[in-house]
C-alpha cells in the first residue's frame, strides 16, 4: 500500500497495482474493514464507534491532523476526524477519485500491464 502524494490531493492509502502480487490479500487483513473489491463495495457502510476517517479539507472541513501508532507502525494523516459511530457511508462516491489517482495522478501507468 502506498500513500497518495501529495497527501493534500490524494489523502488515502492506495494498493499499488505494480507491486501487488496477491489480489485481494488486503481485504481480510484490513483491521478497519475498509477495503473491498469494487464490485462488493457497500453503499450503506455503517461506522463503528470511534472510527477515524481521512479526506481532503474541502470534503472534510472539520478534520484535524492525526498522528498515532498502529501495530507498532507510525501513522500520520493531514486531515482526519473521529466519528461517534452509526454514520452511513456510500463507498461508491470514492470510485471517481481512485480512478483519477491511477489515470492522472501519481498512480498513472500503474494499471498498464504491457
PDB file of N, CA and C in Angstrom:
ATOM      1  N   UNK A   1       0.851  -1.167   0.000  1.00  0.00           N
ATOM      2  CA  UNK A   1       0.000   0.000   0.000  1.00  0.00           C
ATOM      3  C   UNK A   1       0.896   1.229   0.000  1.00  0.00           C
ATOM      4  N   UNK A   2       0.431   2.244  -0.700  1.00  0.00           N
ATOM      5  CA  UNK A   2       1.201   3.482  -0.786  1.00  0.00           C
ATOM      6  C   UNK A   2       0.327   4.666  -0.411  1.00  0.00           C
ATOM      7  N   UNK A   3       0.943   5.669   0.186  1.00  0.00           N
ATOM      8  CA  UNK A   3       0.242   6.909   0.480  1.00  0.00           C
ATOM      9  C   UNK A   3       0.127   7.737  -0.778  1.00  0.00           C
ATOM     10  N   UNK A   4      -0.989   8.429  -0.929  1.00  0.00           N
ATOM     11  CA  UNK A   4      -1.128   9.360  -2.030  1.00  0.00           C
ATOM     12  C   UNK A   4      -0.117  10.487  -1.887  1.00  0.00           C
ATOM     13  N   UNK A   5       0.376  10.990  -2.993  1.00  0.00           N
ATOM     14  CA  UNK A   5       1.388  12.028  -2.946  1.00  0.00           C
ATOM     15  C   UNK A   5       1.112  13.050  -4.041  1.00  0.00           C
ATOM     16  N   UNK A   6       0.823  14.310  -3.683  1.00  0.00           N
ATOM     17  CA  UNK A   6       0.847  14.858  -2.343  1.00  0.00           C
ATOM     18  C   UNK A   6      -0.403  14.450  -1.556  1.00  0.00           C
ATOM     19  N   UNK A   7      -0.241  14.278  -0.261  1.00  0.00           N
ATOM     20  CA  UNK A   7      -1.333  13.800   0.576  1.00  0.00           C
ATOM     21  C   UNK A   7      -2.526  14.752   0.580  1.00  0.00           C
ATOM     22  N   UNK A   8      -2.264  16.058   0.399  1.00  0.00           N
ATOM     23  CA  UNK A   8      -3.365  17.022   0.382  1.00  0.00           C
ATOM     24  C   UNK A   8      -4.336  16.729  -0.757  1.00  0.00           C
ATOM     25  N   UNK A   9      -3.814  16.240  -1.882  1.00  0.00           N
ATOM     26  CA  UNK A   9      -4.672  15.936  -3.031  1.00  0.00           C
ATOM     27  C   UNK A   9      -5.147  14.487  -3.023  1.00  0.00           C
ATOM     28  N   UNK A  10      -4.338  13.558  -2.520  1.00  0.00           N
ATOM     29  CA  UNK A  10      -4.638  12.128  -2.536  1.00  0.00           C
ATOM     30  C   UNK A  10      -4.569  11.600  -1.099  1.00  0.00           C
ATOM     31  N   UNK A  11      -5.560  11.896  -0.243  1.00  0.00           N
ATOM     32  CA  UNK A  11      -5.440  11.583   1.193  1.00  0.00           C
ATOM     33  C   UNK A  11      -5.828  10.152   1.571  1.00  0.00           C
ATOM     34  N   UNK A  12      -5.476   9.201   0.725  1.00  0.00           N
ATOM     35  CA  UNK A  12      -5.828   7.820   1.010  1.00  0.00           C
ATOM     36  C   UNK A  12      -4.614   6.932   0.852  1.00  0.00           C
ATOM     37  N   UNK A  13      -4.720   5.734   1.407  1.00  0.00           N
ATOM     38  CA  UNK A  13      -3.760   4.683   1.080  1.00  0.00           C
ATOM     39  C   UNK A  13      -4.276   3.993  -0.174  1.00  0.00           C
ATOM     40  N   UNK A  14      -3.373   3.651  -1.069  1.00  0.00           N
ATOM     41  CA  UNK A  14      -3.751   3.001  -2.322  1.00  0.00           C
ATOM     42  C   UNK A  14      -3.007   1.687  -2.450  1.00  0.00           C
ATOM     43  N   UNK A  15      -3.651   0.689  -2.985  1.00  0.00           N
ATOM     44  CA  UNK A  15      -2.988  -0.575  -3.286  1.00  0.00           C
ATOM     45  C   UNK A  15      -2.261  -0.384  -4.611  1.00  0.00           C
ATOM     46  N   UNK A  16      -0.963  -0.556  -4.590  1.00  0.00           N
ATOM     47  CA  UNK A  16      -0.132  -0.330  -5.764  1.00  0.00           C
ATOM     48  C   UNK A  16      -0.225  -1.542  -6.694  1.00  0.00           C
ATOM     49  N   UNK A  17      -0.891  -1.356  -7.826  1.00  0.00           N
ATOM     50  CA  UNK A  17      -1.118  -2.462  -8.755  1.00  0.00           C
ATOM     51  C   UNK A  17       0.182  -3.001  -9.350  1.00  0.00           C
ATOM     52  N   UNK A  18       1.237  -2.172  -9.406  1.00  0.00           N
ATOM     53  CA  UNK A  18       2.523  -2.629  -9.947  1.00  0.00           C
ATOM     54  C   UNK A  18       3.220  -3.623  -9.027  1.00  0.00           C
ATOM     55  N   UNK A  19       3.041  -3.465  -7.730  1.00  0.00           N
ATOM     56  CA  UNK A  19       3.768  -4.326  -6.793  1.00  0.00           C
ATOM     57  C   UNK A  19       2.887  -5.365  -6.119  1.00  0.00           C
ATOM     58  N   UNK A  20       1.585  -5.252  -6.257  1.00  0.00           N
ATOM     59  CA  UNK A  20       0.675  -6.210  -5.625  1.00  0.00           C
ATOM     60  C   UNK A  20       0.757  -7.549  -6.357  1.00  0.00           C
ATOM     61  N   UNK A  21       1.052  -8.606  -5.619  1.00  0.00           N
ATOM     62  CA  UNK A  21       1.161  -9.927  -6.248  1.00  0.00           C
ATOM     63  C   UNK A  21       0.071 -10.890  -5.793  1.00  0.00           C
ATOM     64  N   UNK A  22      -0.745 -10.483  -4.831  1.00  0.00           N
ATOM     65  CA  UNK A  22      -1.776 -11.377  -4.317  1.00  0.00           C
ATOM     66  C   UNK A  22      -3.097 -10.636  -4.243  1.00  0.00           C
ATOM     67  N   UNK A  23      -3.754 -10.535  -5.357  1.00  0.00           N
ATOM     68  CA  UNK A  23      -5.002  -9.790  -5.450  1.00  0.00           C
ATOM     69  C   UNK A  23      -5.993 -10.210  -4.373  1.00  0.00           C
ATOM     70  N   UNK A  24      -6.436  -9.235  -3.600  1.00  0.00           N
ATOM     71  CA  UNK A  24      -7.430  -9.496  -2.565  1.00  0.00           C
ATOM     72  C   UNK A  24      -6.858  -9.828  -1.210  1.00  0.00           C
ATOM     73  N   UNK A  25      -5.533  -9.944  -1.081  1.00  0.00           N
ATOM     74  CA  UNK A  25      -4.950 -10.334   0.198  1.00  0.00           C
ATOM     75  C   UNK A  25      -5.191  -9.294   1.285  1.00  0.00           C
ATOM     76  N   UNK A  26      -5.292  -8.014   0.922  1.00  0.00           N
ATOM     77  CA  UNK A  26      -5.516  -6.971   1.927  1.00  0.00           C
ATOM     78  C   UNK A  26      -6.919  -7.020   2.513  1.00  0.00           C
ATOM     79  N   UNK A  27      -7.872  -7.516   1.762  1.00  0.00           N
ATOM     80  CA  UNK A  27      -9.273  -7.470   2.192  1.00  0.00           C
ATOM     81  C   UNK A  27      -9.482  -8.127   3.546  1.00  0.00           C
ATOM     82  N   UNK A  28      -9.112  -9.392   3.759  1.00  0.00           N
ATOM     83  CA  UNK A  28      -9.360  -9.987   5.075  1.00  0.00           C
ATOM     84  C   UNK A  28      -8.417  -9.476   6.157  1.00  0.00           C
ATOM     85  N   UNK A  29      -7.290  -8.866   5.783  1.00  0.00           N
ATOM     86  CA  UNK A  29      -6.321  -8.395   6.759  1.00  0.00           C
ATOM     87  C   UNK A  29      -6.573  -6.972   7.236  1.00  0.00           C
ATOM     88  N   UNK A  30      -7.430  -6.231   6.557  1.00  0.00           N
ATOM     89  CA  UNK A  30      -7.648  -4.832   6.908  1.00  0.00           C
ATOM     90  C   UNK A  30      -8.310  -4.733   8.276  1.00  0.00           C
ATOM     91  N   UNK A  31      -7.652  -4.103   9.251  1.00  0.00           N
ATOM     92  CA  UNK A  31      -8.229  -4.033  10.597  1.00  0.00           C
ATOM     93  C   UNK A  31      -9.436  -3.109  10.677  1.00  0.00           C
ATOM     94  N   UNK A  32      -9.678  -2.339   9.636  1.00  0.00           N
ATOM     95  CA  UNK A  32     -10.778  -1.381   9.667  1.00  0.00           C
ATOM     96  C   UNK A  32     -11.967  -1.826   8.823  1.00  0.00           C
ATOM     97  N   UNK A  33     -11.888  -3.008   8.206  1.00  0.00           N
ATOM     98  CA  UNK A  33     -12.952  -3.472   7.309  1.00  0.00           C
ATOM     99  C   UNK A  33     -13.289  -2.412   6.267  1.00  0.00           C
ATOM    100  N   UNK A  34     -12.254  -1.776   5.700  1.00  0.00           N
ATOM    101  CA  UNK A  34     -12.479  -0.670   4.772  1.00  0.00           C
ATOM    102  C   UNK A  34     -11.941  -0.945   3.377  1.00  0.00           C
ATOM    103  N   UNK A  35     -11.506  -2.164   3.100  1.00  0.00           N
ATOM    104  CA  UNK A  35     -11.019  -2.496   1.764  1.00  0.00           C
ATOM    105  C   UNK A  35     -11.984  -3.516   1.158  1.00  0.00           C
ATOM    106  N   UNK A  36     -12.466  -3.189  -0.039  1.00  0.00           N
ATOM    107  CA  UNK A  36     -13.418  -4.055  -0.717  1.00  0.00           C
ATOM    108  C   UNK A  36     -13.053  -4.138  -2.185  1.00  0.00           C
ATOM    109  N   UNK A  37     -13.278  -5.298  -2.819  1.00  0.00           N
ATOM    110  CA  UNK A  37     -13.241  -5.299  -4.279  1.00  0.00           C
ATOM    111  C   UNK A  37     -14.325  -4.342  -4.768  1.00  0.00           C
ATOM    112  N   UNK A  38     -14.070  -3.633  -5.842  1.00  0.00           N
ATOM    113  CA  UNK A  38     -15.005  -2.605  -6.300  1.00  0.00           C
ATOM    114  C   UNK A  38     -16.437  -3.122  -6.422  1.00  0.00           C
ATOM    115  N   UNK A  39     -16.588  -4.327  -6.960  1.00  0.00           N
ATOM    116  CA  UNK A  39     -17.945  -4.849  -7.167  1.00  0.00           C
ATOM    117  C   UNK A  39     -18.650  -5.222  -5.864  1.00  0.00           C
ATOM    118  N   UNK A  40     -17.903  -5.228  -4.741  1.00  0.00           N
ATOM    119  CA  UNK A  40     -18.509  -5.558  -3.446  1.00  0.00           C
ATOM    120  C   UNK A  40     -18.525  -4.374  -2.483  1.00  0.00           C
ATOM    121  N   UNK A  41     -18.115  -3.195  -2.942  1.00  0.00           N
ATOM    122  CA  UNK A  41     -18.088  -2.029  -2.055  1.00  0.00           C
ATOM    123  C   UNK A  41     -19.500  -1.690  -1.593  1.00  0.00           C
ATOM    124  N   UNK A  42     -19.690  -1.518  -0.285  1.00  0.00           N
ATOM    125  CA  UNK A  42     -21.037  -1.243   0.218  1.00  0.00           C
ATOM    126  C   UNK A  42     -21.481   0.189  -0.086  1.00  0.00           C
ATOM    127  N   UNK A  43     -22.756   0.340  -0.296  1.00  0.00           N
ATOM    128  CA  UNK A  43     -23.343   1.652  -0.500  1.00  0.00           C
ATOM    129  C   UNK A  43     -23.943   2.175   0.801  1.00  0.00           C
ATOM    130  N   UNK A  44     -23.912   1.339   1.845  1.00  0.00           N
ATOM    131  CA  UNK A  44     -24.500   1.720   3.128  1.00  0.00           C
ATOM    132  C   UNK A  44     -23.646   1.198   4.290  1.00  0.00           C
ATOM    133  N   UNK A  45     -22.349   1.499   4.246  1.00  0.00           N
ATOM    134  CA  UNK A  45     -21.414   1.064   5.274  1.00  0.00           C
ATOM    135  C   UNK A  45     -21.663   1.871   6.549  1.00  0.00           C
ATOM    136  N   UNK A  46     -21.913   1.180   7.672  1.00  0.00           N
ATOM    137  CA  UNK A  46     -22.184   1.841   8.945  1.00  0.00           C
ATOM    138  C   UNK A  46     -20.922   1.788   9.798  1.00  0.00           C
ATOM    139  N   UNK A  47     -20.445   2.954  10.236  1.00  0.00           N
ATOM    140  CA  UNK A  47     -19.210   3.012  11.009  1.00  0.00           C
ATOM    141  C   UNK A  47     -19.412   2.514  12.431  1.00  0.00           C
ATOM    142  N   UNK A  48     -18.347   1.940  12.961  1.00  0.00           N
ATOM    143  CA  UNK A  48     -18.308   1.548  14.358  1.00  0.00           C
ATOM    144  C   UNK A  48     -17.982   2.775  15.207  1.00  0.00           C
ATOM    145  N   UNK A  49     -18.262   2.753  16.506  1.00  0.00           N
ATOM    146  CA  UNK A  49     -17.905   3.894  17.354  1.00  0.00           C
ATOM    147  C   UNK A  49     -16.413   4.176  17.288  1.00  0.00           C
ATOM    148  N   UNK A  50     -16.067   5.442  17.277  1.00  0.00           N
ATOM    149  CA  UNK A  50     -14.697   5.943  17.287  1.00  0.00           C
ATOM    150  C   UNK A  50     -13.902   5.577  16.034  1.00  0.00           C
ATOM    151  N   UNK A  51     -14.589   5.413  14.901  1.00  0.00           N
ATOM    152  CA  UNK A  51     -13.938   5.180  13.618  1.00  0.00           C
ATOM    153  C   UNK A  51     -13.277   6.476  13.155  1.00  0.00           C
ATOM    154  N   UNK A  52     -12.033   6.376  12.686  1.00  0.00           N
ATOM    155  CA  UNK A  52     -11.334   7.532  12.124  1.00  0.00           C
ATOM    156  C   UNK A  52     -11.499   7.525  10.616  1.00  0.00           C
ATOM    157  N   UNK A  53     -11.744   8.695  10.032  1.00  0.00           N
ATOM    158  CA  UNK A  53     -11.793   8.842   8.588  1.00  0.00           C
ATOM    159  C   UNK A  53     -10.830   9.960   8.194  1.00  0.00           C
ATOM    160  N   UNK A  54     -10.341   9.911   6.969  1.00  0.00           N
ATOM    161  CA  UNK A  54      -9.457  10.952   6.450  1.00  0.00           C
ATOM    162  C   UNK A  54      -9.945  11.366   5.077  1.00  0.00           C
ATOM    163  N   UNK A  55      -9.779  12.645   4.776  1.00  0.00           N
ATOM    164  CA  UNK A  55     -10.142  13.152   3.456  1.00  0.00           C
ATOM    165  C   UNK A  55      -9.519  14.522   3.279  1.00  0.00           C
ATOM    166  N   UNK A  56      -9.797  15.148   2.162  1.00  0.00           N
ATOM    167  CA  UNK A  56      -9.282  16.488   1.911  1.00  0.00           C
ATOM    168  C   UNK A  56      -9.987  17.496   2.809  1.00  0.00           C
ATOM    169  N   UNK A  57      -9.381  18.649   2.987  1.00  0.00           N
ATOM    170  CA  UNK A  57     -10.004  19.714   3.779  1.00  0.00           C
ATOM    171  C   UNK A  57     -11.317  20.137   3.128  1.00  0.00           C
ATOM    172  N   UNK A  58     -11.353  20.128   1.799  1.00  0.00           N
ATOM    173  CA  UNK A  58     -12.578  20.508   1.091  1.00  0.00           C
ATOM    174  C   UNK A  58     -13.729  19.547   1.422  1.00  0.00           C
ATOM    175  N   UNK A  59     -13.450  18.242   1.463  1.00  0.00           N
ATOM    176  CA  UNK A  59     -14.503  17.259   1.707  1.00  0.00           C
ATOM    177  C   UNK A  59     -14.707  16.948   3.188  1.00  0.00           C
ATOM    178  N   UNK A  60     -13.735  17.301   4.029  1.00  0.00           N
ATOM    179  CA  UNK A  60     -13.827  17.063   5.461  1.00  0.00           C
ATOM    180  C   UNK A  60     -13.350  18.325   6.182  1.00  0.00           C
ATOM    181  N   UNK A  61     -14.154  19.403   6.119  1.00  0.00           N
ATOM    182  CA  UNK A  61     -13.696  20.701   6.606  1.00  0.00           C
ATOM    183  C   UNK A  61     -13.425  20.762   8.103  1.00  0.00           C
ATOM    184  N   UNK A  62     -14.010  19.868   8.882  1.00  0.00           N
ATOM    185  CA  UNK A  62     -13.774  19.899  10.331  1.00  0.00           C
ATOM    186  C   UNK A  62     -12.688  18.910  10.756  1.00  0.00           C
ATOM    187  N   UNK A  63     -11.922  18.392   9.807  1.00  0.00           N
ATOM    188  CA  UNK A  63     -10.851  17.457  10.121  1.00  0.00           C
ATOM    189  C   UNK A  63      -9.655  18.127  10.777  1.00  0.00           C
ATOM    190  N   UNK A  64      -8.825  17.309  11.415  1.00  0.00           N
ATOM    191  CA  UNK A  64      -7.625  17.765  12.103  1.00  0.00           C
ATOM    192  C   UNK A  64      -6.479  16.817  11.752  1.00  0.00           C
ATOM    193  N   UNK A  65      -5.232  17.265  11.881  1.00  0.00           N
ATOM    194  CA  UNK A  65      -4.115  16.329  11.708  1.00  0.00           C
ATOM    195  C   UNK A  65      -4.213  15.201  12.726  1.00  0.00           C
ATOM    196  N   UNK A  66      -3.812  14.014  12.335  1.00  0.00           N
ATOM    197  CA  UNK A  66      -3.897  12.840  13.207  1.00  0.00           C
ATOM    198  C   UNK A  66      -2.570  12.099  13.159  1.00  0.00           C
ATOM    199  N   UNK A  67      -2.037  11.780  14.337  1.00  0.00           N
ATOM    200  CA  UNK A  67      -0.805  11.009  14.418  1.00  0.00           C
ATOM    201  C   UNK A  67      -0.959  10.001  15.545  1.00  0.00           C
ATOM    202  N   UNK A  68      -0.615   8.751  15.261  1.00  0.00           N
ATOM    203  CA  UNK A  68      -0.754   7.695  16.253  1.00  0.00           C
ATOM    204  C   UNK A  68       0.160   6.542  15.877  1.00  0.00           C
ATOM    205  N   UNK A  69      -0.020   5.442  16.560  1.00  0.00           N
ATOM    206  CA  UNK A  69       0.734   4.236  16.248  1.00  0.00           C
ATOM    207  C   UNK A  69      -0.254   3.087  16.157  1.00  0.00           C
ATOM    208  N   UNK A  70      -0.094   2.257  15.143  1.00  0.00           N
ATOM    209  CA  UNK A  70      -0.939   1.082  14.973  1.00  0.00           C
ATOM    210  C   UNK A  70      -0.051  -0.097  14.639  1.00  0.00           C
ATOM    211  N   UNK A  71      -0.151  -1.139  15.416  1.00  0.00           N
ATOM    212  CA  UNK A  71       0.641  -2.349  15.179  1.00  0.00           C
ATOM    213  C   UNK A  71       2.135  -2.002  15.058  1.00  0.00           C
ATOM    214  N   UNK A  72       2.599  -1.158  15.985  1.00  0.00           N
ATOM    215  CA  UNK A  72       3.996  -0.708  16.073  1.00  0.00           C
ATOM    216  C   UNK A  72       4.461   0.088  14.857  1.00  0.00           C
ATOM    217  N   UNK A  73       3.530   0.623  14.093  1.00  0.00           N
ATOM    218  CA  UNK A  73       3.857   1.454  12.941  1.00  0.00           C
ATOM    219  C   UNK A  73       3.307   2.861  13.165  1.00  0.00           C
ATOM    220  N   UNK A  74       4.099   3.859  12.850  1.00  0.00           N
ATOM    221  CA  UNK A  74       3.660   5.237  12.973  1.00  0.00           C
ATOM    222  C   UNK A  74       2.651   5.549  11.871  1.00  0.00           C
ATOM    223  N   UNK A  75       1.570   6.225  12.245  1.00  0.00           N
ATOM    224  CA  UNK A  75       0.526   6.612  11.294  1.00  0.00           C
ATOM    225  C   UNK A  75       0.305   8.112  11.436  1.00  0.00           C
ATOM    226  N   UNK A  76       0.322   8.828  10.317  1.00  0.00           N
ATOM    227  CA  UNK A  76       0.062  10.263  10.340  1.00  0.00           C
ATOM    228  C   UNK A  76      -0.703  10.655   9.086  1.00  0.00           C
ATOM    229  N   UNK A  77      -1.810  11.358   9.275  1.00  0.00           N
ATOM    230  CA  UNK A  77      -2.562  11.899   8.143  1.00  0.00           C
ATOM    231  C   UNK A  77      -2.802  13.385   8.411  1.00  0.00           C
ATOM    232  N   UNK A  78      -2.976  14.146   7.352  1.00  0.00           N
ATOM    233  CA  UNK A  78      -3.088  15.592   7.488  1.00  0.00           C
ATOM    234  C   UNK A  78      -4.474  16.062   7.900  1.00  0.00           C
ATOM    235  N   UNK A  79      -5.516  15.306   7.555  1.00  0.00           N
ATOM    236  CA  UNK A  79      -6.869  15.775   7.835  1.00  0.00           C
ATOM    237  C   UNK A  79      -7.780  14.590   8.138  1.00  0.00           C
ATOM    238  N   UNK A  80      -8.073  14.400   9.410  1.00  0.00           N
ATOM    239  CA  UNK A  80      -8.877  13.249   9.838  1.00  0.00           C
ATOM    240  C   UNK A  80      -9.933  13.697  10.847  1.00  0.00           C
ATOM    241  N   UNK A  81     -10.896  12.818  11.055  1.00  0.00           N
ATOM    242  CA  UNK A  81     -11.962  13.101  12.009  1.00  0.00           C
ATOM    243  C   UNK A  81     -12.417  11.788  12.633  1.00  0.00           C
ATOM    244  N   UNK A  82     -12.705  11.811  13.927  1.00  0.00           N
ATOM    245  CA  UNK A  82     -13.201  10.621  14.610  1.00  0.00           C
ATOM    246  C   UNK A  82     -14.718  10.693  14.691  1.00  0.00           C
ATOM    247  N   UNK A  83     -15.364   9.628  14.234  1.00  0.00           N
ATOM    248  CA  UNK A  83     -16.824   9.572  14.212  1.00  0.00           C
ATOM    249  C   UNK A  83     -17.347   8.870  15.461  1.00  0.00           C
ATOM    250  N   UNK A  84     -18.539   9.194  15.850  1.00  0.00           N
ATOM    251  CA  UNK A  84     -19.161   8.568  17.014  1.00  0.00           C
ATOM    252  C   UNK A  84     -19.664   7.158  16.720  1.00  0.00           C
ATOM    253  N   UNK A  85     -19.850   6.845  15.490  1.00  0.00           N
ATOM    254  CA  UNK A  85     -20.386   5.535  15.117  1.00  0.00           C
ATOM    255  C   UNK A  85     -21.805   5.678  14.611  1.00  0.00           C
ATOM    256  N   UNK A  86     -22.203   4.754  13.762  1.00  0.00           N
ATOM    257  CA  UNK A  86     -23.542   4.776  13.211  1.00  0.00           C
ATOM    258  C   UNK A  86     -23.694   5.669  11.986  1.00  0.00           C
ATOM    259  N   UNK A  87     -22.607   6.311  11.550  1.00  0.00           N
ATOM    260  CA  UNK A  87     -22.671   7.139  10.340  1.00  0.00           C
ATOM    261  C   UNK A  87     -22.633   6.221   9.122  1.00  0.00           C
ATOM    262  N   UNK A  88     -23.466   6.507   8.149  1.00  0.00           N
ATOM    263  CA  UNK A  88     -23.569   5.678   6.952  1.00  0.00           C
ATOM    264  C   UNK A  88     -22.771   6.323   5.815  1.00  0.00           C
ATOM    265  N   UNK A  89     -21.910   5.522   5.168  1.00  0.00           N
ATOM    266  CA  UNK A  89     -21.113   5.989   4.045  1.00  0.00           C
ATOM    267  C   UNK A  89     -21.453   5.188   2.799  1.00  0.00           C
ATOM    268  N   UNK A  90     -21.432   5.876   1.672  1.00  0.00           N
ATOM    269  CA  UNK A  90     -21.564   5.241   0.364  1.00  0.00           C
ATOM    270  C   UNK A  90     -20.166   5.197  -0.241  1.00  0.00           C
ATOM    271  N   UNK A  91     -19.514   4.038  -0.215  1.00  0.00           N
ATOM    272  CA  UNK A  91     -18.145   3.925  -0.699  1.00  0.00           C
ATOM    273  C   UNK A  91     -18.034   4.143  -2.204  1.00  0.00           C
ATOM    274  N   UNK A  92     -19.126   4.021  -2.934  1.00  0.00           N
ATOM    275  CA  UNK A  92     -19.084   4.222  -4.382  1.00  0.00           C
ATOM    276  C   UNK A  92     -18.713   5.661  -4.726  1.00  0.00           C
ATOM    277  N   UNK A  93     -18.950   6.607  -3.830  1.00  0.00           N
ATOM    278  CA  UNK A  93     -18.606   8.006  -4.117  1.00  0.00           C
ATOM    279  C   UNK A  93     -17.101   8.195  -4.246  1.00  0.00           C
ATOM    280  N   UNK A  94     -16.317   7.257  -3.716  1.00  0.00           N
ATOM    281  CA  UNK A  94     -14.861   7.351  -3.799  1.00  0.00           C
ATOM    282  C   UNK A  94     -14.284   6.697  -5.053  1.00  0.00           C
ATOM    283  N   UNK A  95     -15.115   6.088  -5.891  1.00  0.00           N
ATOM    284  CA  UNK A  95     -14.593   5.432  -7.089  1.00  0.00           C
ATOM    285  C   UNK A  95     -13.919   6.434  -8.027  1.00  0.00           C
ATOM    286  N   UNK A  96     -14.567   7.556  -8.289  1.00  0.00           N
ATOM    287  CA  UNK A  96     -14.026   8.532  -9.238  1.00  0.00           C
ATOM    288  C   UNK A  96     -12.638   9.022  -8.832  1.00  0.00           C
ATOM    289  N   UNK A  97     -12.403   9.438  -7.567  1.00  0.00           N
ATOM    290  CA  UNK A  97     -11.040   9.856  -7.201  1.00  0.00           C
ATOM    291  C   UNK A  97     -10.019   8.728  -7.315  1.00  0.00           C
ATOM    292  N   UNK A  98     -10.429   7.493  -7.055  1.00  0.00           N
ATOM    293  CA  UNK A  98      -9.497   6.368  -7.193  1.00  0.00           C
ATOM    294  C   UNK A  98      -9.096   6.189  -8.660  1.00  0.00           C
ATOM    295  N   UNK A  99     -10.073   6.288  -9.562  1.00  0.00           N
ATOM    296  CA  UNK A  99      -9.754   6.187 -10.983  1.00  0.00           C
ATOM    297  C   UNK A  99      -8.817   7.320 -11.391  1.00  0.00           C
ATOM    298  N   UNK A 100      -9.090   8.539 -10.887  1.00  0.00           N
ATOM    299  CA  UNK A 100      -8.246   9.685 -11.217  1.00  0.00           C
ATOM    300  C   UNK A 100      -6.822   9.462 -10.713  1.00  0.00           C
ATOM    301  N   UNK A 101      -6.679   8.852  -9.525  1.00  0.00           N
ATOM    302  CA  UNK A 101      -5.356   8.557  -8.972  1.00  0.00           C
ATOM    303  C   UNK A 101      -4.539   7.718  -9.944  1.00  0.00           C
ATOM    304  N   UNK A 102      -5.182   6.708 -10.535  1.00  0.00           N
ATOM    305  CA  UNK A 102      -4.466   5.813 -11.444  1.00  0.00           C
ATOM    306  C   UNK A 102      -4.382   6.332 -12.873  1.00  0.00           C
ATOM    307  N   UNK A 103      -5.293   7.197 -13.289  1.00  0.00           N
ATOM    308  CA  UNK A 103      -5.258   7.696 -14.658  1.00  0.00           C
ATOM    309  C   UNK A 103      -4.438   8.969 -14.800  1.00  0.00           C
ATOM    310  N   UNK A 104      -4.584   9.905 -13.847  1.00  0.00           N
ATOM    311  CA  UNK A 104      -3.950  11.214 -13.976  1.00  0.00           C
ATOM    312  C   UNK A 104      -2.997  11.555 -12.839  1.00  0.00           C
ATOM    313  N   UNK A 105      -3.088  10.833 -11.726  1.00  0.00           N
ATOM    314  CA  UNK A 105      -2.296  11.170 -10.555  1.00  0.00           C
ATOM    315  C   UNK A 105      -1.024  10.356 -10.448  1.00  0.00           C
ATOM    316  N   UNK A 106      -0.509  10.219  -9.221  1.00  0.00           N
ATOM    317  CA  UNK A 106       0.769   9.534  -9.017  1.00  0.00           C
ATOM    318  C   UNK A 106       0.725   8.045  -9.354  1.00  0.00           C
ATOM    319  N   UNK A 107      -0.463   7.472  -9.467  1.00  0.00           N
ATOM    320  CA  UNK A 107      -0.570   6.074  -9.865  1.00  0.00           C
ATOM    321  C   UNK A 107      -0.643   5.907 -11.371  1.00  0.00           C
ATOM    322  N   UNK A 108      -0.448   7.021 -12.112  1.00  0.00           N
ATOM    323  CA  UNK A 108      -0.549   6.994 -13.568  1.00  0.00           C
ATOM    324  C   UNK A 108       0.358   5.912 -14.147  1.00  0.00           C
ATOM    325  N   UNK A 109      -0.227   5.048 -14.943  1.00  0.00           N
ATOM    326  CA  UNK A 109       0.532   3.977 -15.571  1.00  0.00           C
ATOM    327  C   UNK A 109       0.580   2.701 -14.765  1.00  0.00           C
ATOM    328  N   UNK A 110       0.136   2.736 -13.513  1.00  0.00           N
ATOM    329  CA  UNK A 110       0.225   1.547 -12.661  1.00  0.00           C
ATOM    330  C   UNK A 110      -0.642   0.405 -13.182  1.00  0.00           C
ATOM    331  N   UNK A 111      -1.708   0.732 -13.878  1.00  0.00           N
ATOM    332  CA  UNK A 111      -2.603  -0.302 -14.368  1.00  0.00           C
ATOM    333  C   UNK A 111      -2.243  -0.786 -15.769  1.00  0.00           C
ATOM    334  N   UNK A 112      -1.258  -0.145 -16.420  1.00  0.00           N
ATOM    335  CA  UNK A 112      -0.809  -0.584 -17.744  1.00  0.00           C
ATOM    336  C   UNK A 112       0.125  -1.769 -17.575  1.00  0.00           C
ATOM    337  N   UNK A 113      -0.365  -2.945 -17.836  1.00  0.00           N
ATOM    338  CA  UNK A 113       0.411  -4.154 -17.620  1.00  0.00           C
ATOM    339  C   UNK A 113       0.974  -4.687 -18.934  1.00  0.00           C
ATOM    340  N   UNK A 114       1.471  -3.786 -19.801  1.00  0.00           N
ATOM    341  CA  UNK A 114       2.011  -4.206 -21.090  1.00  0.00           C
ATOM    342  C   UNK A 114       3.343  -4.911 -20.934  1.00  0.00           C
TER     343      UNK A 114
END
